[in-house]
């Protein structure tokens, strides 16, 4: 996440704080106004730390956690962060899927205005794979780390099933089907694949079969 802060802009908003990107932090911070683009030094108060409720989903299960964040931090849907729950001593890397701010569900909000966050755990994910064969389709699930990379056109295995990745539906609803495209598991909604059938060694008219026939 990029660090942002709401401070006075001497050019476009000398009375009311507006959103700025922090270019240089520390004792003498430098910021850039998101409204007019002015770059200027500023004074920022040390932000207060507040407790934020986070509903973490992992597979089919969801559970509440609590973490501490700076009240002036801006959180956006799609941000990735670590949720460190002090009471349970559990840490989960998650991607934020929804923000509750009162009765609203904005795409971004300041921590001080957030009622709850919803996040999807990405330390380990279950990727659904639809394997098409003729007129039938069957589904399997591959459990992998969130950063595991699937490549379109490559082969994968789940137990005895070996399949070739043909197309991928991402969580944002888009599809990828060009060979060589790489998508991380945490961003995948579903994989569409074809089965890979390999002949056993020595079957059919292989060299080993002919060799045995000649020796009879």
C-alpha atoms as a PDB file:
ATOM      1  CA  UNK A   1       0.000   0.000   0.000  1.00  0.00           C
ATOM      2  CA  UNK A   2       1.171   3.540  -0.724  1.00  0.00           C
ATOM      3  CA  UNK A   3       1.320   5.743   2.380  1.00  0.00           C
ATOM      4  CA  UNK A   4      -1.243   8.533   2.288  1.00  0.00           C
ATOM      5  CA  UNK A   5      -2.325  11.286   4.668  1.00  0.00           C
ATOM      6  CA  UNK A   6      -4.894  14.032   4.906  1.00  0.00           C
ATOM      7  CA  UNK A   7      -3.172  17.406   5.426  1.00  0.00           C
ATOM      8  CA  UNK A   8      -3.610  21.047   4.443  1.00  0.00           C
ATOM      9  CA  UNK A   9      -2.614  21.943   0.867  1.00  0.00           C
ATOM     10  CA  UNK A  10      -1.236  25.484   0.606  1.00  0.00           C
ATOM     11  CA  UNK A  11      -2.334  25.739  -3.041  1.00  0.00           C
ATOM     12  CA  UNK A  12      -5.865  24.365  -3.278  1.00  0.00           C
ATOM     13  CA  UNK A  13      -7.088  23.728   0.278  1.00  0.00           C
ATOM     14  CA  UNK A  14      -5.453  25.960   2.919  1.00  0.00           C
ATOM     15  CA  UNK A  15      -8.283  25.473   5.456  1.00  0.00           C
ATOM     16  CA  UNK A  16      -9.403  21.854   5.134  1.00  0.00           C
ATOM     17  CA  UNK A  17      -7.203  18.731   4.959  1.00  0.00           C
ATOM     18  CA  UNK A  18      -7.227  16.835   1.670  1.00  0.00           C
ATOM     19  CA  UNK A  19      -5.683  13.530   0.618  1.00  0.00           C
ATOM     20  CA  UNK A  20      -1.944  13.575  -0.129  1.00  0.00           C
ATOM     21  CA  UNK A  21       0.581  10.925  -1.121  1.00  0.00           C
ATOM     22  CA  UNK A  22       3.560  10.816   1.237  1.00  0.00           C
ATOM     23  CA  UNK A  23       6.740  11.146  -0.851  1.00  0.00           C
ATOM     24  CA  UNK A  24       9.118  11.400   2.115  1.00  0.00           C
ATOM     25  CA  UNK A  25       8.285  10.414   5.671  1.00  0.00           C
ATOM     26  CA  UNK A  26      10.169  11.161   8.856  1.00  0.00           C
ATOM     27  CA  UNK A  27      10.768  14.378  10.820  1.00  0.00           C
ATOM     28  CA  UNK A  28      10.335  16.629   7.766  1.00  0.00           C
ATOM     29  CA  UNK A  29       7.754  14.878   5.585  1.00  0.00           C
ATOM     30  CA  UNK A  30       7.132  15.862   1.962  1.00  0.00           C
ATOM     31  CA  UNK A  31       3.738  15.188   0.376  1.00  0.00           C
ATOM     32  CA  UNK A  32       2.003  15.518  -2.987  1.00  0.00           C
ATOM     33  CA  UNK A  33      -1.584  16.777  -3.136  1.00  0.00           C
ATOM     34  CA  UNK A  34      -3.986  14.338  -4.801  1.00  0.00           C
ATOM     35  CA  UNK A  35      -6.243  17.244  -5.802  1.00  0.00           C
ATOM     36  CA  UNK A  36      -3.858  19.646  -7.546  1.00  0.00           C
ATOM     37  CA  UNK A  37      -0.508  17.825  -7.637  1.00  0.00           C
ATOM     38  CA  UNK A  38       1.372  20.385  -5.523  1.00  0.00           C
ATOM     39  CA  UNK A  39       4.440  18.976  -3.765  1.00  0.00           C
ATOM     40  CA  UNK A  40       5.173  20.611  -0.422  1.00  0.00           C
ATOM     41  CA  UNK A  41       6.560  19.973   3.080  1.00  0.00           C
ATOM     42  CA  UNK A  42       4.069  19.475   5.875  1.00  0.00           C
ATOM     43  CA  UNK A  43       3.651  18.692   9.540  1.00  0.00           C
ATOM     44  CA  UNK A  44       1.866  15.484  10.463  1.00  0.00           C
ATOM     45  CA  UNK A  45       0.695  14.512  13.917  1.00  0.00           C
ATOM     46  CA  UNK A  46       1.586  11.067  15.180  1.00  0.00           C
ATOM     47  CA  UNK A  47      -1.500   9.010  14.305  1.00  0.00           C
ATOM     48  CA  UNK A  48      -3.449   7.171  16.968  1.00  0.00           C
ATOM     49  CA  UNK A  49      -3.641   3.371  16.744  1.00  0.00           C
ATOM     50  CA  UNK A  50      -7.137   1.890  16.776  1.00  0.00           C
ATOM     51  CA  UNK A  51      -8.575  -1.619  16.927  1.00  0.00           C
ATOM     52  CA  UNK A  52     -10.142  -2.819  13.658  1.00  0.00           C
ATOM     53  CA  UNK A  53     -12.460  -5.825  13.322  1.00  0.00           C
ATOM     54  CA  UNK A  54     -11.625  -8.046  10.337  1.00  0.00           C
ATOM     55  CA  UNK A  55     -13.789 -10.936   9.122  1.00  0.00           C
ATOM     56  CA  UNK A  56     -11.385 -13.406   7.520  1.00  0.00           C
ATOM     57  CA  UNK A  57     -12.692 -16.041   5.111  1.00  0.00           C
ATOM     58  CA  UNK A  58     -10.683 -19.149   4.397  1.00  0.00           C
ATOM     59  CA  UNK A  59     -12.303 -21.633   2.066  1.00  0.00           C
ATOM     60  CA  UNK A  60     -15.910 -22.060   3.228  1.00  0.00           C
ATOM     61  CA  UNK A  61     -15.225 -20.819   6.784  1.00  0.00           C
ATOM     62  CA  UNK A  62     -15.237 -17.237   8.101  1.00  0.00           C
ATOM     63  CA  UNK A  63     -14.017 -16.035  11.488  1.00  0.00           C
ATOM     64  CA  UNK A  64     -13.533 -12.638  13.208  1.00  0.00           C
ATOM     65  CA  UNK A  65     -10.125 -11.247  14.080  1.00  0.00           C
ATOM     66  CA  UNK A  66      -8.916  -7.934  15.487  1.00  0.00           C
ATOM     67  CA  UNK A  67      -5.826  -5.992  14.478  1.00  0.00           C
ATOM     68  CA  UNK A  68      -4.361  -2.566  15.202  1.00  0.00           C
ATOM     69  CA  UNK A  69      -3.976   0.071  12.493  1.00  0.00           C
ATOM     70  CA  UNK A  70      -3.155   3.759  12.369  1.00  0.00           C
ATOM     71  CA  UNK A  71      -6.365   5.785  12.306  1.00  0.00           C
ATOM     72  CA  UNK A  72      -5.326   7.932   9.321  1.00  0.00           C
ATOM     73  CA  UNK A  73      -4.313   4.978   7.115  1.00  0.00           C
ATOM     74  CA  UNK A  74      -6.316   4.591   3.900  1.00  0.00           C
ATOM     75  CA  UNK A  75      -7.549   1.042   3.168  1.00  0.00           C
ATOM     76  CA  UNK A  76      -8.775   0.029  -0.288  1.00  0.00           C
ATOM     77  CA  UNK A  77     -10.579  -3.032  -1.615  1.00  0.00           C
ATOM     78  CA  UNK A  78      -7.875  -5.198  -3.192  1.00  0.00           C
ATOM     79  CA  UNK A  79      -5.159  -4.211  -0.704  1.00  0.00           C
ATOM     80  CA  UNK A  80      -3.049  -7.052   0.645  1.00  0.00           C
ATOM     81  CA  UNK A  81      -2.019  -6.965   4.299  1.00  0.00           C
ATOM     82  CA  UNK A  82      -1.144  -9.085   7.320  1.00  0.00           C
ATOM     83  CA  UNK A  83      -3.830  -9.384   9.978  1.00  0.00           C
ATOM     84  CA  UNK A  84      -2.111  -9.926  13.345  1.00  0.00           C
ATOM     85  CA  UNK A  85      -4.649 -10.889  16.017  1.00  0.00           C
ATOM     86  CA  UNK A  86      -3.277 -10.137  19.497  1.00  0.00           C
ATOM     87  CA  UNK A  87      -5.819 -12.283  21.356  1.00  0.00           C
ATOM     88  CA  UNK A  88      -5.271 -15.478  19.348  1.00  0.00           C
ATOM     89  CA  UNK A  89      -1.662 -14.767  18.315  1.00  0.00           C
ATOM     90  CA  UNK A  90      -2.641 -15.765  14.750  1.00  0.00           C
ATOM     91  CA  UNK A  91      -1.306 -13.984  11.653  1.00  0.00           C
ATOM     92  CA  UNK A  92      -2.999 -14.228   8.254  1.00  0.00           C
ATOM     93  CA  UNK A  93      -2.034 -12.615   4.955  1.00  0.00           C
ATOM     94  CA  UNK A  94      -5.308 -11.444   3.392  1.00  0.00           C
ATOM     95  CA  UNK A  95      -6.636  -9.464   0.457  1.00  0.00           C
ATOM     96  CA  UNK A  96      -9.349  -6.981   1.425  1.00  0.00           C
ATOM     97  CA  UNK A  97     -12.623  -7.876  -0.299  1.00  0.00           C
ATOM     98  CA  UNK A  98     -15.035  -5.399   1.331  1.00  0.00           C
ATOM     99  CA  UNK A  99     -15.048  -2.370   3.623  1.00  0.00           C
ATOM    100  CA  UNK A 100     -17.894  -1.464   5.978  1.00  0.00           C
ATOM    101  CA  UNK A 101     -18.141   2.195   6.988  1.00  0.00           C
ATOM    102  CA  UNK A 102     -21.386   2.749   8.848  1.00  0.00           C
ATOM    103  CA  UNK A 103     -24.175   1.784   6.429  1.00  0.00           C
ATOM    104  CA  UNK A 104     -21.931   2.125   3.377  1.00  0.00           C
ATOM    105  CA  UNK A 105     -19.550  -0.191   1.567  1.00  0.00           C
ATOM    106  CA  UNK A 106     -16.994   2.126  -0.050  1.00  0.00           C
ATOM    107  CA  UNK A 107     -14.080   1.053  -2.236  1.00  0.00           C
ATOM    108  CA  UNK A 108     -11.706   2.955   0.075  1.00  0.00           C
ATOM    109  CA  UNK A 109     -11.915   4.480   3.552  1.00  0.00           C
ATOM    110  CA  UNK A 110      -9.796   5.900   6.328  1.00  0.00           C
ATOM    111  CA  UNK A 111      -9.262   3.462   9.207  1.00  0.00           C
ATOM    112  CA  UNK A 112     -10.934   5.883  11.652  1.00  0.00           C
ATOM    113  CA  UNK A 113     -14.155   5.585   9.602  1.00  0.00           C
ATOM    114  CA  UNK A 114     -14.145   1.799   9.195  1.00  0.00           C
ATOM    115  CA  UNK A 115     -16.652  -0.390  11.056  1.00  0.00           C
ATOM    116  CA  UNK A 116     -15.344  -3.721   9.756  1.00  0.00           C
ATOM    117  CA  UNK A 117     -13.073  -5.109   7.082  1.00  0.00           C
ATOM    118  CA  UNK A 118     -13.650  -8.300   5.145  1.00  0.00           C
ATOM    119  CA  UNK A 119     -10.637 -10.216   3.917  1.00  0.00           C
ATOM    120  CA  UNK A 120      -9.861 -13.448   2.086  1.00  0.00           C
ATOM    121  CA  UNK A 121      -6.917 -15.432   3.451  1.00  0.00           C
ATOM    122  CA  UNK A 122      -4.266 -15.955   0.782  1.00  0.00           C
ATOM    123  CA  UNK A 123      -1.649 -17.980   2.676  1.00  0.00           C
ATOM    124  CA  UNK A 124      -3.299 -21.096   1.267  1.00  0.00           C
ATOM    125  CA  UNK A 125      -6.119 -21.230  -1.267  1.00  0.00           C
ATOM    126  CA  UNK A 126      -8.313 -23.890  -2.849  1.00  0.00           C
ATOM    127  CA  UNK A 127      -8.384 -23.494  -6.631  1.00  0.00           C
ATOM    128  CA  UNK A 128     -11.385 -25.038  -8.402  1.00  0.00           C
ATOM    129  CA  UNK A 129     -10.564 -26.792 -11.676  1.00  0.00           C
ATOM    130  CA  UNK A 130     -13.196 -27.834 -14.239  1.00  0.00           C
ATOM    131  CA  UNK A 131     -11.845 -30.677 -16.388  1.00  0.00           C
ATOM    132  CA  UNK A 132     -13.718 -31.089 -19.693  1.00  0.00           C
ATOM    133  CA  UNK A 133     -13.653 -34.443 -21.464  1.00  0.00           C
ATOM    134  CA  UNK A 134     -16.045 -34.970 -24.365  1.00  0.00           C
ATOM    135  CA  UNK A 135     -19.514 -34.001 -23.171  1.00  0.00           C
ATOM    136  CA  UNK A 136     -18.753 -34.352 -19.473  1.00  0.00           C
ATOM    137  CA  UNK A 137     -17.183 -31.963 -16.974  1.00  0.00           C
ATOM    138  CA  UNK A 138     -15.897 -32.866 -13.556  1.00  0.00           C
ATOM    139  CA  UNK A 139     -14.469 -30.660 -10.836  1.00  0.00           C
ATOM    140  CA  UNK A 140     -11.361 -31.115  -8.714  1.00  0.00           C
ATOM    141  CA  UNK A 141      -9.716 -28.840  -6.175  1.00  0.00           C
ATOM    142  CA  UNK A 142      -6.005 -28.092  -5.883  1.00  0.00           C
ATOM    143  CA  UNK A 143      -4.849 -26.675  -2.541  1.00  0.00           C
ATOM    144  CA  UNK A 144      -1.791 -24.441  -2.990  1.00  0.00           C
ATOM    145  CA  UNK A 145      -0.088 -21.383  -1.441  1.00  0.00           C
ATOM    146  CA  UNK A 146      -1.644 -18.087  -2.533  1.00  0.00           C
ATOM    147  CA  UNK A 147       1.470 -17.183  -4.497  1.00  0.00           C
ATOM    148  CA  UNK A 148       1.530 -20.452  -6.458  1.00  0.00           C
ATOM    149  CA  UNK A 149       1.657 -19.701 -10.192  1.00  0.00           C
ATOM    150  CA  UNK A 150      -0.479 -21.403 -12.823  1.00  0.00           C
ATOM    151  CA  UNK A 151       0.612 -21.036 -16.451  1.00  0.00           C
ATOM    152  CA  UNK A 152      -1.894 -21.337 -19.278  1.00  0.00           C
ATOM    153  CA  UNK A 153      -0.839 -24.172 -21.577  1.00  0.00           C
ATOM    154  CA  UNK A 154       1.068 -26.013 -18.855  1.00  0.00           C
ATOM    155  CA  UNK A 155       0.126 -29.290 -17.172  1.00  0.00           C
ATOM    156  CA  UNK A 156      -0.777 -29.768 -13.501  1.00  0.00           C
ATOM    157  CA  UNK A 157      -1.675 -32.726 -11.312  1.00  0.00           C
ATOM    158  CA  UNK A 158      -4.225 -33.274  -8.560  1.00  0.00           C
ATOM    159  CA  UNK A 159      -3.908 -36.798  -7.174  1.00  0.00           C
ATOM    160  CA  UNK A 160      -4.254 -39.176 -10.154  1.00  0.00           C
ATOM    161  CA  UNK A 161      -5.642 -36.414 -12.407  1.00  0.00           C
ATOM    162  CA  UNK A 162      -3.267 -34.765 -14.851  1.00  0.00           C
ATOM    163  CA  UNK A 163      -4.651 -31.880 -16.895  1.00  0.00           C
ATOM    164  CA  UNK A 164      -3.656 -29.054 -19.204  1.00  0.00           C
ATOM    165  CA  UNK A 165      -4.674 -25.502 -18.228  1.00  0.00           C
ATOM    166  CA  UNK A 166      -6.708 -24.026 -21.097  1.00  0.00           C
ATOM    167  CA  UNK A 167      -8.391 -20.962 -19.626  1.00  0.00           C
ATOM    168  CA  UNK A 168      -8.525 -19.100 -16.313  1.00  0.00           C
ATOM    169  CA  UNK A 169     -11.303 -16.991 -14.830  1.00  0.00           C
ATOM    170  CA  UNK A 170      -9.865 -14.404 -12.463  1.00  0.00           C
ATOM    171  CA  UNK A 171     -11.593 -13.103  -9.340  1.00  0.00           C
ATOM    172  CA  UNK A 172     -12.318  -9.774 -11.029  1.00  0.00           C
ATOM    173  CA  UNK A 173     -14.415 -11.654 -13.632  1.00  0.00           C
ATOM    174  CA  UNK A 174     -11.932 -11.426 -16.503  1.00  0.00           C
ATOM    175  CA  UNK A 175     -10.701 -14.448 -18.502  1.00  0.00           C
ATOM    176  CA  UNK A 176      -7.206 -15.356 -19.675  1.00  0.00           C
ATOM    177  CA  UNK A 177      -6.578 -17.976 -22.381  1.00  0.00           C
ATOM    178  CA  UNK A 178      -3.287 -17.106 -24.072  1.00  0.00           C
ATOM    179  CA  UNK A 179      -0.553 -19.714 -23.662  1.00  0.00           C
ATOM    180  CA  UNK A 180       2.253 -18.606 -21.388  1.00  0.00           C
ATOM    181  CA  UNK A 181       0.165 -16.203 -19.284  1.00  0.00           C
ATOM    182  CA  UNK A 182       0.906 -16.675 -15.568  1.00  0.00           C
ATOM    183  CA  UNK A 183      -1.711 -16.084 -12.851  1.00  0.00           C
ATOM    184  CA  UNK A 184      -1.182 -16.451  -9.106  1.00  0.00           C
ATOM    185  CA  UNK A 185      -3.553 -18.834  -7.332  1.00  0.00           C
ATOM    186  CA  UNK A 186      -4.915 -16.135  -4.976  1.00  0.00           C
ATOM    187  CA  UNK A 187      -6.307 -14.271  -8.013  1.00  0.00           C
ATOM    188  CA  UNK A 188      -8.033 -17.271  -9.628  1.00  0.00           C
ATOM    189  CA  UNK A 189     -11.762 -17.953  -9.471  1.00  0.00           C
ATOM    190  CA  UNK A 190     -11.717 -21.105 -11.632  1.00  0.00           C
ATOM    191  CA  UNK A 191      -9.452 -22.990 -14.020  1.00  0.00           C
ATOM    192  CA  UNK A 192     -10.787 -24.704 -17.148  1.00  0.00           C
ATOM    193  CA  UNK A 193      -8.723 -27.651 -18.316  1.00  0.00           C
ATOM    194  CA  UNK A 194      -8.494 -30.698 -20.576  1.00  0.00           C
ATOM    195  CA  UNK A 195      -7.327 -34.092 -19.292  1.00  0.00           C
ATOM    196  CA  UNK A 196      -3.904 -35.408 -20.219  1.00  0.00           C
ATOM    197  CA  UNK A 197      -3.789 -39.122 -21.055  1.00  0.00           C
ATOM    198  CA  UNK A 198      -0.398 -40.771 -21.245  1.00  0.00           C
ATOM    199  CA  UNK A 199       0.158 -44.255 -22.694  1.00  0.00           C
ATOM    200  CA  UNK A 200       1.895 -46.682 -20.417  1.00  0.00           C
ATOM    201  CA  UNK A 201       5.427 -47.634 -21.420  1.00  0.00           C
ATOM    202  CA  UNK A 202       5.404 -50.637 -23.716  1.00  0.00           C
ATOM    203  CA  UNK A 203       1.772 -50.276 -24.820  1.00  0.00           C
ATOM    204  CA  UNK A 204       0.487 -50.120 -28.426  1.00  0.00           C
ATOM    205  CA  UNK A 205       3.123 -50.515 -31.132  1.00  0.00           C
ATOM    206  CA  UNK A 206       6.011 -49.106 -29.145  1.00  0.00           C
ATOM    207  CA  UNK A 207       9.563 -50.286 -29.679  1.00  0.00           C
ATOM    208  CA  UNK A 208       9.397 -52.467 -26.593  1.00  0.00           C
ATOM    209  CA  UNK A 209       6.282 -54.281 -27.906  1.00  0.00           C
ATOM    210  CA  UNK A 210       7.862 -54.964 -31.277  1.00  0.00           C
ATOM    211  CA  UNK A 211      11.040 -56.112 -29.629  1.00  0.00           C
ATOM    212  CA  UNK A 212       9.151 -58.686 -27.558  1.00  0.00           C
ATOM    213  CA  UNK A 213       7.229 -59.907 -30.641  1.00  0.00           C
ATOM    214  CA  UNK A 214      10.488 -60.490 -32.528  1.00  0.00           C
ATOM    215  CA  UNK A 215      11.913 -62.502 -29.666  1.00  0.00           C
ATOM    216  CA  UNK A 216       9.025 -64.998 -29.596  1.00  0.00           C
END
